[in-house]
N, C-alpha and C. Protein backbone atom coordinates (compact mmCIF):
# COMPACT_ATOMS: atom_id res chain seq x y z
N MET A 1 -25.83 -20.16 1.81
CA MET A 1 -25.40 -20.25 0.40
C MET A 1 -24.07 -20.90 0.25
N PHE A 2 -23.11 -20.79 1.25
CA PHE A 2 -21.85 -21.39 1.16
C PHE A 2 -21.94 -22.96 1.25
N ALA A 3 -22.89 -23.41 2.15
CA ALA A 3 -23.10 -24.82 2.21
C ALA A 3 -23.64 -25.45 0.88
N THR A 4 -24.45 -24.73 0.27
CA THR A 4 -25.03 -25.23 -1.03
C THR A 4 -23.91 -25.22 -2.08
N ALA A 5 -23.09 -24.15 -2.17
CA ALA A 5 -22.07 -24.13 -3.08
C ALA A 5 -21.02 -25.26 -2.85
N LEU A 6 -20.73 -25.51 -1.55
CA LEU A 6 -19.89 -26.61 -1.24
C LEU A 6 -20.40 -27.92 -1.60
N TRP A 7 -21.69 -28.15 -1.44
CA TRP A 7 -22.34 -29.45 -1.83
C TRP A 7 -22.30 -29.57 -3.38
N VAL A 8 -22.59 -28.50 -4.10
CA VAL A 8 -22.46 -28.71 -5.56
C VAL A 8 -21.02 -28.97 -6.01
N PHE A 9 -20.02 -28.34 -5.38
CA PHE A 9 -18.63 -28.64 -5.76
C PHE A 9 -18.28 -30.15 -5.38
N VAL A 10 -18.70 -30.55 -4.29
CA VAL A 10 -18.44 -32.07 -3.91
C VAL A 10 -19.03 -33.01 -4.93
N VAL A 11 -20.33 -32.80 -5.21
CA VAL A 11 -21.01 -33.65 -6.18
C VAL A 11 -20.43 -33.58 -7.49
N ALA A 12 -20.11 -32.33 -7.97
CA ALA A 12 -19.50 -32.20 -9.32
C ALA A 12 -18.12 -32.92 -9.36
N SER A 13 -17.37 -32.78 -8.31
CA SER A 13 -15.99 -33.37 -8.23
C SER A 13 -16.12 -34.90 -8.31
N ILE A 14 -17.03 -35.47 -7.65
CA ILE A 14 -17.30 -36.94 -7.72
C ILE A 14 -17.60 -37.38 -9.15
N PHE A 15 -18.27 -36.53 -9.80
CA PHE A 15 -18.68 -36.86 -11.19
C PHE A 15 -17.51 -36.60 -12.25
N PHE A 16 -16.95 -35.39 -12.19
CA PHE A 16 -16.01 -34.90 -13.23
C PHE A 16 -14.55 -35.38 -13.01
N VAL A 17 -14.07 -35.58 -11.78
CA VAL A 17 -12.69 -35.95 -11.60
C VAL A 17 -12.31 -37.26 -12.32
N PRO A 18 -13.07 -38.35 -12.11
CA PRO A 18 -12.69 -39.57 -12.86
C PRO A 18 -12.86 -39.40 -14.31
N TYR A 19 -13.80 -38.70 -14.87
CA TYR A 19 -13.97 -38.45 -16.24
C TYR A 19 -12.78 -37.77 -16.80
N THR A 20 -12.28 -36.72 -16.12
CA THR A 20 -11.20 -35.90 -16.61
C THR A 20 -9.93 -36.70 -16.57
N LEU A 21 -9.75 -37.51 -15.52
CA LEU A 21 -8.52 -38.41 -15.45
C LEU A 21 -8.53 -39.34 -16.62
N PHE A 22 -9.57 -39.99 -16.93
CA PHE A 22 -9.58 -40.87 -18.09
C PHE A 22 -9.32 -40.14 -19.38
N ARG A 23 -9.78 -38.91 -19.57
CA ARG A 23 -9.59 -38.18 -20.80
C ARG A 23 -8.08 -37.74 -20.90
N TRP A 24 -7.51 -37.35 -19.79
CA TRP A 24 -6.06 -36.92 -19.87
C TRP A 24 -5.18 -38.15 -20.08
N ALA A 25 -5.57 -39.23 -19.54
CA ALA A 25 -4.76 -40.44 -19.74
C ALA A 25 -4.81 -41.01 -21.19
N ARG A 26 -5.75 -40.44 -21.99
CA ARG A 26 -5.99 -40.82 -23.33
C ARG A 26 -6.14 -42.39 -23.47
N VAL A 27 -6.89 -42.98 -22.59
CA VAL A 27 -7.17 -44.47 -22.56
C VAL A 27 -8.42 -44.62 -23.38
N GLU A 28 -8.43 -44.97 -24.58
CA GLU A 28 -9.64 -45.11 -25.40
C GLU A 28 -10.59 -46.13 -24.96
N GLU A 29 -10.07 -47.22 -24.44
CA GLU A 29 -10.95 -48.26 -24.00
C GLU A 29 -11.83 -47.87 -22.72
N PHE A 30 -11.33 -46.82 -22.01
CA PHE A 30 -12.16 -46.36 -20.90
C PHE A 30 -13.07 -45.27 -21.25
N ASP A 31 -12.92 -44.64 -22.47
CA ASP A 31 -13.77 -43.56 -22.89
C ASP A 31 -15.26 -43.92 -22.83
N ARG A 32 -15.64 -45.08 -23.38
CA ARG A 32 -17.04 -45.39 -23.34
C ARG A 32 -17.49 -45.64 -21.96
N TRP A 33 -16.60 -46.07 -21.01
CA TRP A 33 -17.00 -46.26 -19.68
C TRP A 33 -17.17 -44.97 -18.90
N SER A 34 -16.34 -44.02 -19.31
CA SER A 34 -16.51 -42.66 -18.69
C SER A 34 -17.73 -41.99 -19.17
N TYR A 35 -18.12 -42.18 -20.39
CA TYR A 35 -19.38 -41.65 -20.88
C TYR A 35 -20.62 -42.29 -20.21
N LEU A 36 -20.51 -43.66 -20.07
CA LEU A 36 -21.51 -44.42 -19.42
C LEU A 36 -21.65 -44.04 -18.01
N GLY A 37 -20.52 -43.72 -17.33
CA GLY A 37 -20.50 -43.20 -15.96
C GLY A 37 -21.14 -41.92 -15.88
N MET A 38 -20.93 -41.03 -16.87
CA MET A 38 -21.54 -39.80 -16.96
C MET A 38 -23.08 -39.83 -17.01
N ILE A 39 -23.53 -40.76 -17.85
CA ILE A 39 -24.93 -40.97 -18.00
C ILE A 39 -25.55 -41.51 -16.69
N VAL A 40 -24.83 -42.39 -16.04
CA VAL A 40 -25.41 -42.92 -14.78
C VAL A 40 -25.27 -41.96 -13.67
N ALA A 41 -24.18 -41.16 -13.63
CA ALA A 41 -24.02 -40.26 -12.54
C ALA A 41 -24.89 -39.01 -12.52
N LEU A 42 -25.34 -38.68 -13.78
CA LEU A 42 -26.17 -37.36 -13.92
C LEU A 42 -27.48 -37.43 -13.10
N PRO A 43 -28.27 -38.59 -13.19
CA PRO A 43 -29.50 -38.62 -12.31
C PRO A 43 -29.13 -38.68 -10.90
N VAL A 44 -28.03 -39.36 -10.57
CA VAL A 44 -27.60 -39.46 -9.13
C VAL A 44 -27.21 -38.04 -8.57
N MET A 45 -26.55 -37.26 -9.50
CA MET A 45 -26.14 -35.94 -9.04
C MET A 45 -27.33 -35.02 -8.92
N VAL A 46 -28.32 -35.18 -9.76
CA VAL A 46 -29.55 -34.39 -9.70
C VAL A 46 -30.26 -34.61 -8.38
N VAL A 47 -30.35 -35.94 -8.06
CA VAL A 47 -30.99 -36.24 -6.78
C VAL A 47 -30.22 -35.73 -5.58
N TRP A 48 -28.92 -35.85 -5.61
CA TRP A 48 -28.09 -35.41 -4.54
C TRP A 48 -28.22 -33.88 -4.39
N LEU A 49 -28.29 -33.14 -5.48
CA LEU A 49 -28.42 -31.72 -5.43
C LEU A 49 -29.77 -31.33 -4.81
N TRP A 50 -30.83 -32.14 -5.10
CA TRP A 50 -32.19 -31.87 -4.54
C TRP A 50 -32.22 -32.20 -3.08
N ILE A 51 -31.71 -33.34 -2.69
CA ILE A 51 -31.81 -33.73 -1.29
C ILE A 51 -30.73 -33.14 -0.37
N GLY A 52 -29.51 -32.94 -0.98
CA GLY A 52 -28.30 -32.60 -0.28
C GLY A 52 -28.41 -31.40 0.67
N PRO A 53 -28.83 -30.21 0.19
CA PRO A 53 -28.94 -29.00 1.00
C PRO A 53 -29.89 -29.15 2.17
N ALA A 54 -30.89 -29.96 1.99
CA ALA A 54 -31.83 -30.11 3.13
C ALA A 54 -31.23 -30.97 4.22
N ASN A 55 -30.27 -31.81 3.89
CA ASN A 55 -29.62 -32.73 4.85
C ASN A 55 -28.33 -31.93 5.45
N MET A 56 -28.05 -30.72 4.97
CA MET A 56 -26.92 -29.96 5.45
C MET A 56 -27.32 -28.87 6.36
N GLY A 57 -28.57 -28.92 6.83
CA GLY A 57 -28.99 -27.91 7.73
C GLY A 57 -29.83 -26.75 7.19
N LEU A 58 -30.01 -26.71 5.87
CA LEU A 58 -30.75 -25.63 5.21
C LEU A 58 -32.23 -26.17 5.18
N ALA A 59 -33.08 -25.41 5.83
CA ALA A 59 -34.49 -25.90 5.90
C ALA A 59 -35.11 -25.55 4.55
N ALA A 60 -36.21 -26.31 4.31
CA ALA A 60 -36.90 -26.15 3.10
C ALA A 60 -37.92 -24.96 3.24
N LEU A 61 -37.38 -23.76 3.33
CA LEU A 61 -38.25 -22.59 3.53
C LEU A 61 -38.29 -21.76 2.26
N ARG A 62 -39.45 -21.19 1.93
CA ARG A 62 -39.53 -20.30 0.81
C ARG A 62 -40.19 -19.08 1.23
N ASP A 63 -40.67 -18.87 2.49
CA ASP A 63 -41.28 -17.67 2.98
C ASP A 63 -40.60 -17.40 4.31
N ILE A 64 -39.78 -16.24 4.31
CA ILE A 64 -39.05 -15.87 5.49
C ILE A 64 -39.41 -14.45 5.83
N SER A 65 -39.68 -14.31 7.17
CA SER A 65 -40.05 -12.90 7.67
C SER A 65 -39.32 -12.65 8.96
N THR A 66 -39.16 -11.33 9.17
CA THR A 66 -38.61 -10.92 10.51
C THR A 66 -39.59 -10.95 11.58
N ASP A 67 -40.84 -10.90 11.17
CA ASP A 67 -41.98 -11.01 12.14
C ASP A 67 -42.90 -12.18 11.72
N VAL A 68 -42.66 -13.27 12.32
CA VAL A 68 -43.33 -14.54 11.93
C VAL A 68 -44.77 -14.59 12.41
N LEU A 69 -45.08 -13.82 13.47
CA LEU A 69 -46.49 -13.81 13.99
C LEU A 69 -47.43 -12.88 13.21
N ASN A 70 -46.89 -11.75 12.70
CA ASN A 70 -47.62 -10.80 11.92
C ASN A 70 -46.78 -10.24 10.76
N PRO A 71 -46.58 -11.18 9.74
CA PRO A 71 -45.63 -10.77 8.64
C PRO A 71 -46.28 -9.67 7.79
N PRO A 72 -45.44 -8.95 7.14
CA PRO A 72 -45.86 -7.94 6.15
C PRO A 72 -46.76 -8.59 5.08
N VAL A 73 -47.86 -7.97 4.68
CA VAL A 73 -48.79 -8.56 3.79
C VAL A 73 -48.28 -8.49 2.36
N ILE A 74 -48.48 -9.67 1.58
CA ILE A 74 -48.20 -9.74 0.17
C ILE A 74 -49.56 -10.12 -0.46
N ASP A 75 -50.10 -9.21 -1.20
CA ASP A 75 -51.43 -9.47 -1.84
C ASP A 75 -51.33 -10.72 -2.72
N GLY A 76 -52.26 -11.61 -2.61
CA GLY A 76 -52.30 -12.77 -3.43
C GLY A 76 -51.43 -13.94 -2.85
N TRP A 77 -50.90 -13.79 -1.76
CA TRP A 77 -50.02 -14.74 -1.14
C TRP A 77 -50.63 -15.17 0.16
N ASP A 78 -51.26 -16.36 0.20
CA ASP A 78 -51.95 -16.84 1.39
C ASP A 78 -51.16 -17.55 2.44
N GLN A 79 -50.00 -18.00 2.05
CA GLN A 79 -49.15 -18.76 3.05
C GLN A 79 -48.47 -17.81 3.96
N HIS A 80 -48.17 -18.44 5.12
CA HIS A 80 -47.50 -17.69 6.22
C HIS A 80 -46.08 -18.34 6.37
N PRO A 81 -45.15 -17.53 6.88
CA PRO A 81 -43.85 -18.07 7.20
C PRO A 81 -43.90 -19.27 8.19
N GLU A 82 -43.06 -20.19 7.99
CA GLU A 82 -42.98 -21.41 8.94
C GLU A 82 -42.16 -20.86 10.21
N GLY A 83 -42.84 -20.38 11.17
CA GLY A 83 -42.24 -19.69 12.32
C GLY A 83 -41.20 -20.45 13.04
N LEU A 84 -41.55 -21.55 13.63
CA LEU A 84 -40.58 -22.36 14.49
C LEU A 84 -39.41 -22.84 13.62
N LEU A 85 -39.69 -23.28 12.50
CA LEU A 85 -38.60 -23.83 11.68
C LEU A 85 -37.63 -22.70 11.28
N GLN A 86 -38.19 -21.52 10.90
CA GLN A 86 -37.41 -20.44 10.58
C GLN A 86 -36.54 -19.91 11.75
N GLN A 87 -37.19 -19.79 12.90
CA GLN A 87 -36.44 -19.39 14.07
C GLN A 87 -35.37 -20.29 14.48
N HIS A 88 -35.54 -21.57 14.28
CA HIS A 88 -34.45 -22.55 14.50
C HIS A 88 -33.34 -22.47 13.48
N THR A 89 -33.72 -22.28 12.21
CA THR A 89 -32.70 -22.21 11.15
C THR A 89 -32.00 -20.89 11.12
N TYR A 90 -32.73 -19.78 11.17
CA TYR A 90 -32.17 -18.46 11.08
C TYR A 90 -32.50 -17.66 12.34
N PRO A 91 -31.82 -17.92 13.48
CA PRO A 91 -32.25 -17.24 14.73
C PRO A 91 -31.89 -15.68 14.64
N ASP A 92 -30.96 -15.33 13.73
CA ASP A 92 -30.58 -13.85 13.62
C ASP A 92 -31.47 -13.05 12.73
N VAL A 93 -32.53 -13.68 12.10
CA VAL A 93 -33.44 -12.88 11.31
C VAL A 93 -34.57 -12.40 12.19
N THR A 94 -34.34 -11.26 12.65
CA THR A 94 -35.29 -10.52 13.62
C THR A 94 -35.65 -9.17 13.11
N PRO A 95 -36.61 -8.51 13.67
CA PRO A 95 -37.00 -7.13 13.26
C PRO A 95 -35.80 -6.15 13.38
N ILE A 96 -35.74 -5.23 12.40
CA ILE A 96 -34.57 -4.31 12.43
C ILE A 96 -35.08 -3.03 13.16
N LEU A 97 -34.36 -2.55 14.13
CA LEU A 97 -34.61 -1.40 14.89
C LEU A 97 -33.54 -0.31 14.56
N LEU A 98 -34.10 0.85 14.18
CA LEU A 98 -33.18 1.97 13.87
C LEU A 98 -33.64 3.21 14.58
N SER A 99 -32.75 4.13 14.79
CA SER A 99 -33.07 5.31 15.46
C SER A 99 -33.61 6.44 14.49
N ALA A 100 -33.49 6.23 13.22
CA ALA A 100 -33.93 7.23 12.23
C ALA A 100 -35.50 7.24 12.15
N GLU A 101 -35.97 8.22 11.49
CA GLU A 101 -37.45 8.48 11.29
C GLU A 101 -37.86 7.48 10.18
N PRO A 102 -39.13 7.06 10.15
CA PRO A 102 -39.71 6.14 9.19
C PRO A 102 -39.53 6.63 7.75
N GLU A 103 -39.75 8.00 7.54
CA GLU A 103 -39.62 8.44 6.16
C GLU A 103 -38.21 8.33 5.61
N VAL A 104 -37.25 8.61 6.57
CA VAL A 104 -35.84 8.50 6.16
C VAL A 104 -35.51 7.05 5.76
N VAL A 105 -36.01 6.11 6.59
CA VAL A 105 -35.67 4.65 6.39
C VAL A 105 -36.39 4.27 5.03
N LEU A 106 -37.52 4.75 4.71
CA LEU A 106 -38.11 4.37 3.44
C LEU A 106 -37.37 5.00 2.28
N GLU A 107 -36.86 6.18 2.36
CA GLU A 107 -36.02 6.74 1.35
C GLU A 107 -34.70 5.95 1.20
N ARG A 108 -34.11 5.48 2.24
CA ARG A 108 -32.93 4.69 2.10
C ARG A 108 -33.27 3.35 1.48
N LEU A 109 -34.43 2.67 1.78
CA LEU A 109 -34.83 1.44 1.19
C LEU A 109 -35.13 1.67 -0.34
N ASN A 110 -35.70 2.76 -0.67
CA ASN A 110 -35.97 3.06 -2.14
C ASN A 110 -34.53 3.22 -2.84
N ALA A 111 -33.59 3.89 -2.15
CA ALA A 111 -32.28 4.02 -2.84
C ALA A 111 -31.64 2.63 -3.00
N ILE A 112 -31.75 1.73 -2.06
CA ILE A 112 -31.27 0.36 -2.20
C ILE A 112 -31.92 -0.30 -3.31
N SER A 113 -33.27 -0.15 -3.44
CA SER A 113 -34.01 -0.83 -4.51
C SER A 113 -33.61 -0.34 -5.92
N LEU A 114 -33.38 0.89 -6.03
CA LEU A 114 -32.98 1.54 -7.29
C LEU A 114 -31.56 1.04 -7.66
N ARG A 115 -30.66 1.03 -6.65
CA ARG A 115 -29.35 0.62 -7.02
C ARG A 115 -29.30 -0.81 -7.40
N ASP A 116 -30.01 -1.68 -6.75
CA ASP A 116 -29.96 -3.14 -7.03
C ASP A 116 -31.02 -3.55 -8.09
N SER A 117 -31.67 -2.57 -8.72
CA SER A 117 -32.62 -2.82 -9.82
C SER A 117 -33.86 -3.72 -9.40
N TRP A 118 -34.39 -3.45 -8.20
CA TRP A 118 -35.60 -4.14 -7.84
C TRP A 118 -36.74 -3.47 -8.48
N GLU A 119 -37.70 -4.27 -8.90
CA GLU A 119 -38.91 -3.78 -9.50
C GLU A 119 -40.06 -3.60 -8.44
N ARG A 120 -40.51 -2.33 -8.38
CA ARG A 120 -41.60 -1.97 -7.41
C ARG A 120 -42.92 -2.61 -8.05
N VAL A 121 -43.67 -3.42 -7.25
CA VAL A 121 -44.95 -4.03 -7.70
C VAL A 121 -45.97 -3.75 -6.66
N GLY A 122 -47.19 -4.01 -7.04
CA GLY A 122 -48.36 -3.86 -6.13
C GLY A 122 -48.71 -2.41 -5.83
N GLN A 123 -49.80 -2.28 -5.13
CA GLN A 123 -50.31 -0.96 -4.73
C GLN A 123 -49.61 -0.53 -3.38
N PRO A 124 -48.89 0.55 -3.42
CA PRO A 124 -48.11 0.95 -2.22
C PRO A 124 -49.16 1.36 -1.13
N ARG A 125 -48.92 0.94 0.09
CA ARG A 125 -49.67 1.31 1.24
C ARG A 125 -48.81 2.30 2.02
N GLU A 126 -49.44 2.94 3.01
CA GLU A 126 -48.67 3.84 3.86
C GLU A 126 -47.54 3.10 4.59
N ARG A 127 -46.32 3.55 4.40
CA ARG A 127 -45.18 2.92 5.04
C ARG A 127 -44.93 1.44 4.76
N GLU A 128 -45.40 1.02 3.60
CA GLU A 128 -45.16 -0.32 3.17
C GLU A 128 -44.70 -0.25 1.72
N ALA A 129 -43.95 -1.31 1.27
CA ALA A 129 -43.52 -1.36 -0.10
C ALA A 129 -43.42 -2.85 -0.52
N LEU A 130 -43.54 -3.11 -1.74
CA LEU A 130 -43.43 -4.50 -2.25
C LEU A 130 -42.58 -4.51 -3.53
N TYR A 131 -41.48 -5.25 -3.44
CA TYR A 131 -40.52 -5.34 -4.64
C TYR A 131 -40.38 -6.76 -5.15
N ARG A 132 -40.12 -6.84 -6.49
CA ARG A 132 -39.73 -8.08 -7.08
C ARG A 132 -38.26 -8.02 -7.36
N VAL A 133 -37.58 -9.04 -6.80
CA VAL A 133 -36.09 -9.14 -6.88
C VAL A 133 -35.73 -10.32 -7.76
N THR A 134 -34.82 -10.11 -8.71
CA THR A 134 -34.36 -11.20 -9.63
C THR A 134 -32.92 -11.54 -9.28
N THR A 135 -32.61 -12.73 -8.94
CA THR A 135 -31.15 -13.06 -8.67
C THR A 135 -30.46 -13.11 -10.01
N SER A 136 -29.12 -12.70 -9.84
CA SER A 136 -28.36 -12.71 -11.05
C SER A 136 -27.84 -14.07 -11.56
N ALA A 137 -27.71 -14.97 -10.66
CA ALA A 137 -27.23 -16.32 -11.03
C ALA A 137 -28.12 -17.10 -11.84
N LEU A 138 -29.38 -17.44 -11.34
CA LEU A 138 -30.29 -18.35 -12.07
C LEU A 138 -31.62 -17.67 -12.40
N SER A 139 -31.59 -16.32 -12.26
CA SER A 139 -32.86 -15.55 -12.55
C SER A 139 -34.01 -16.00 -11.72
N TYR A 140 -33.90 -16.39 -10.48
CA TYR A 140 -35.01 -16.67 -9.68
C TYR A 140 -35.74 -15.40 -9.22
N HIS A 141 -37.00 -15.46 -9.00
CA HIS A 141 -37.73 -14.28 -8.57
C HIS A 141 -38.14 -14.37 -7.14
N TYR A 142 -38.01 -13.28 -6.51
CA TYR A 142 -38.46 -13.24 -5.08
C TYR A 142 -39.28 -12.01 -4.78
N LEU A 143 -40.24 -12.07 -3.99
CA LEU A 143 -41.01 -10.85 -3.53
C LEU A 143 -40.49 -10.46 -2.14
N VAL A 144 -40.21 -9.19 -2.06
CA VAL A 144 -39.71 -8.58 -0.85
C VAL A 144 -40.72 -7.59 -0.31
N ALA A 145 -41.38 -7.90 0.83
CA ALA A 145 -42.36 -6.92 1.43
C ALA A 145 -41.69 -6.28 2.58
N VAL A 146 -41.94 -4.92 2.63
CA VAL A 146 -41.27 -4.14 3.63
C VAL A 146 -42.42 -3.37 4.43
N ARG A 147 -42.25 -3.38 5.70
CA ARG A 147 -43.22 -2.61 6.58
C ARG A 147 -42.36 -1.81 7.56
N VAL A 148 -42.63 -0.48 7.54
CA VAL A 148 -41.91 0.40 8.44
C VAL A 148 -42.89 0.97 9.41
N LYS A 149 -42.57 0.83 10.71
CA LYS A 149 -43.43 1.40 11.86
C LYS A 149 -42.63 2.25 12.75
N ALA A 150 -43.30 3.32 13.15
CA ALA A 150 -42.67 4.22 14.16
C ALA A 150 -42.83 3.56 15.57
N VAL A 151 -41.76 3.46 16.30
CA VAL A 151 -41.75 2.95 17.71
C VAL A 151 -41.13 4.04 18.55
N PRO A 152 -41.30 3.94 19.87
CA PRO A 152 -40.76 4.96 20.70
C PRO A 152 -39.25 5.15 20.56
N ALA A 153 -38.53 4.10 20.28
CA ALA A 153 -37.05 4.21 20.14
C ALA A 153 -36.61 4.68 18.76
N GLY A 154 -37.56 4.77 17.83
CA GLY A 154 -37.15 5.21 16.42
C GLY A 154 -38.08 4.57 15.40
N THR A 155 -37.49 3.54 14.71
CA THR A 155 -38.27 2.92 13.56
C THR A 155 -38.04 1.37 13.68
N ARG A 156 -39.09 0.68 13.46
CA ARG A 156 -39.01 -0.82 13.33
C ARG A 156 -39.32 -1.22 11.83
N ILE A 157 -38.43 -2.04 11.32
CA ILE A 157 -38.58 -2.48 9.91
C ILE A 157 -38.82 -4.02 9.94
N ASP A 158 -39.88 -4.34 9.36
CA ASP A 158 -40.22 -5.79 9.16
C ASP A 158 -40.04 -6.15 7.68
N LEU A 159 -39.32 -7.24 7.36
CA LEU A 159 -39.10 -7.66 5.97
C LEU A 159 -39.68 -9.03 5.84
N ARG A 160 -40.17 -9.33 4.67
CA ARG A 160 -40.62 -10.73 4.34
C ARG A 160 -40.10 -10.98 2.85
N VAL A 161 -39.44 -12.11 2.73
CA VAL A 161 -38.92 -12.53 1.41
C VAL A 161 -39.57 -13.86 1.11
N VAL A 162 -40.18 -13.90 -0.05
CA VAL A 162 -40.90 -15.13 -0.56
C VAL A 162 -40.30 -15.54 -1.87
N ALA A 163 -39.86 -16.83 -2.00
CA ALA A 163 -39.36 -17.34 -3.19
C ALA A 163 -40.51 -17.72 -4.13
N ILE A 164 -40.60 -17.18 -5.28
CA ILE A 164 -41.77 -17.40 -6.22
C ILE A 164 -41.56 -18.61 -7.02
N ASP A 165 -40.43 -18.81 -7.62
CA ASP A 165 -40.16 -19.84 -8.60
C ASP A 165 -39.83 -21.22 -8.10
N GLN A 166 -39.44 -21.36 -6.92
CA GLN A 166 -38.92 -22.61 -6.44
C GLN A 166 -39.50 -22.97 -5.06
N ALA A 167 -39.39 -24.20 -4.68
CA ALA A 167 -40.01 -24.69 -3.41
C ALA A 167 -39.20 -24.30 -2.18
N ARG A 168 -37.97 -23.99 -2.32
CA ARG A 168 -37.10 -23.56 -1.17
C ARG A 168 -36.08 -22.53 -1.77
N ASP A 169 -35.61 -21.71 -0.91
CA ASP A 169 -34.70 -20.61 -1.36
C ASP A 169 -33.28 -20.80 -1.09
N PHE A 170 -32.90 -21.91 -0.49
CA PHE A 170 -31.51 -22.23 -0.18
C PHE A 170 -30.77 -21.09 0.52
N GLY A 171 -31.43 -20.45 1.40
CA GLY A 171 -30.84 -19.44 2.24
C GLY A 171 -30.77 -18.03 1.72
N TYR A 172 -31.22 -17.85 0.42
CA TYR A 172 -31.08 -16.51 -0.20
C TYR A 172 -31.98 -15.50 0.50
N GLY A 173 -33.16 -15.89 0.94
CA GLY A 173 -34.02 -14.95 1.60
C GLY A 173 -33.50 -14.42 2.90
N ALA A 174 -32.87 -15.29 3.67
CA ALA A 174 -32.20 -14.89 4.93
C ALA A 174 -30.95 -14.03 4.66
N SER A 175 -30.23 -14.29 3.63
CA SER A 175 -29.05 -13.49 3.30
C SER A 175 -29.48 -12.07 2.80
N LEU A 176 -30.55 -12.04 2.06
CA LEU A 176 -31.12 -10.80 1.55
C LEU A 176 -31.57 -9.98 2.75
N ILE A 177 -32.24 -10.50 3.72
CA ILE A 177 -32.70 -9.72 4.92
C ILE A 177 -31.38 -9.28 5.65
N ARG A 178 -30.40 -10.07 5.82
CA ARG A 178 -29.17 -9.64 6.53
C ARG A 178 -28.45 -8.61 5.77
N GLY A 179 -28.46 -8.67 4.43
CA GLY A 179 -27.81 -7.59 3.63
C GLY A 179 -28.52 -6.28 3.76
N ILE A 180 -29.78 -6.30 3.77
CA ILE A 180 -30.59 -4.98 3.90
C ILE A 180 -30.40 -4.46 5.33
N ARG A 181 -30.42 -5.34 6.31
CA ARG A 181 -30.16 -4.98 7.72
C ARG A 181 -28.80 -4.28 7.88
N ASP A 182 -27.78 -4.91 7.32
CA ASP A 182 -26.41 -4.29 7.40
C ASP A 182 -26.30 -3.00 6.73
N GLU A 183 -26.99 -2.81 5.52
CA GLU A 183 -26.92 -1.57 4.78
C GLU A 183 -27.63 -0.43 5.58
N LEU A 184 -28.80 -0.81 6.15
CA LEU A 184 -29.57 0.21 6.80
C LEU A 184 -28.91 0.65 8.16
N LYS A 185 -28.12 -0.23 8.76
CA LYS A 185 -27.50 0.13 9.97
C LYS A 185 -26.23 0.88 9.82
N GLN A 186 -25.76 1.07 8.64
CA GLN A 186 -24.50 1.81 8.29
C GLN A 186 -24.82 3.34 8.48
């Protein structure tokens, strides 16, 4: 997310700094050129914003899972996570292992979902949950599937985040998984 924000800042600076300088200098003859520059720069800025994050190391992923071979099921979603690309881009997105019981982990996940206003959707299965998450910035929608399994060492949590509205998630899915992992490990 930081790389995307930096890219937006750089592109906006290239566009707005000359315009602002012309306006502050109160040079009327350059006003029409600054407006023309704004009209020309806008499509260029849109293209740069579209291509830029992909060239800065953010992969065009919209489906991220902690278990790429057997991801949690999302009804009506036939695609699977792009395993090799995801593992290369986000090597730290792995299954979460906790020493707590599965029921305790599910209660903690429900508390997180209530606090962050996630909408519970779909038919709940045993030790699985599906949430719709809406970002506060641009109101993008994501589906978060959670699978909790008992393992000899405690509990294994598999998460899957799918961007619904856009073709890539610009790192939001991985940051959401990292945030859930950090909260559960506290």
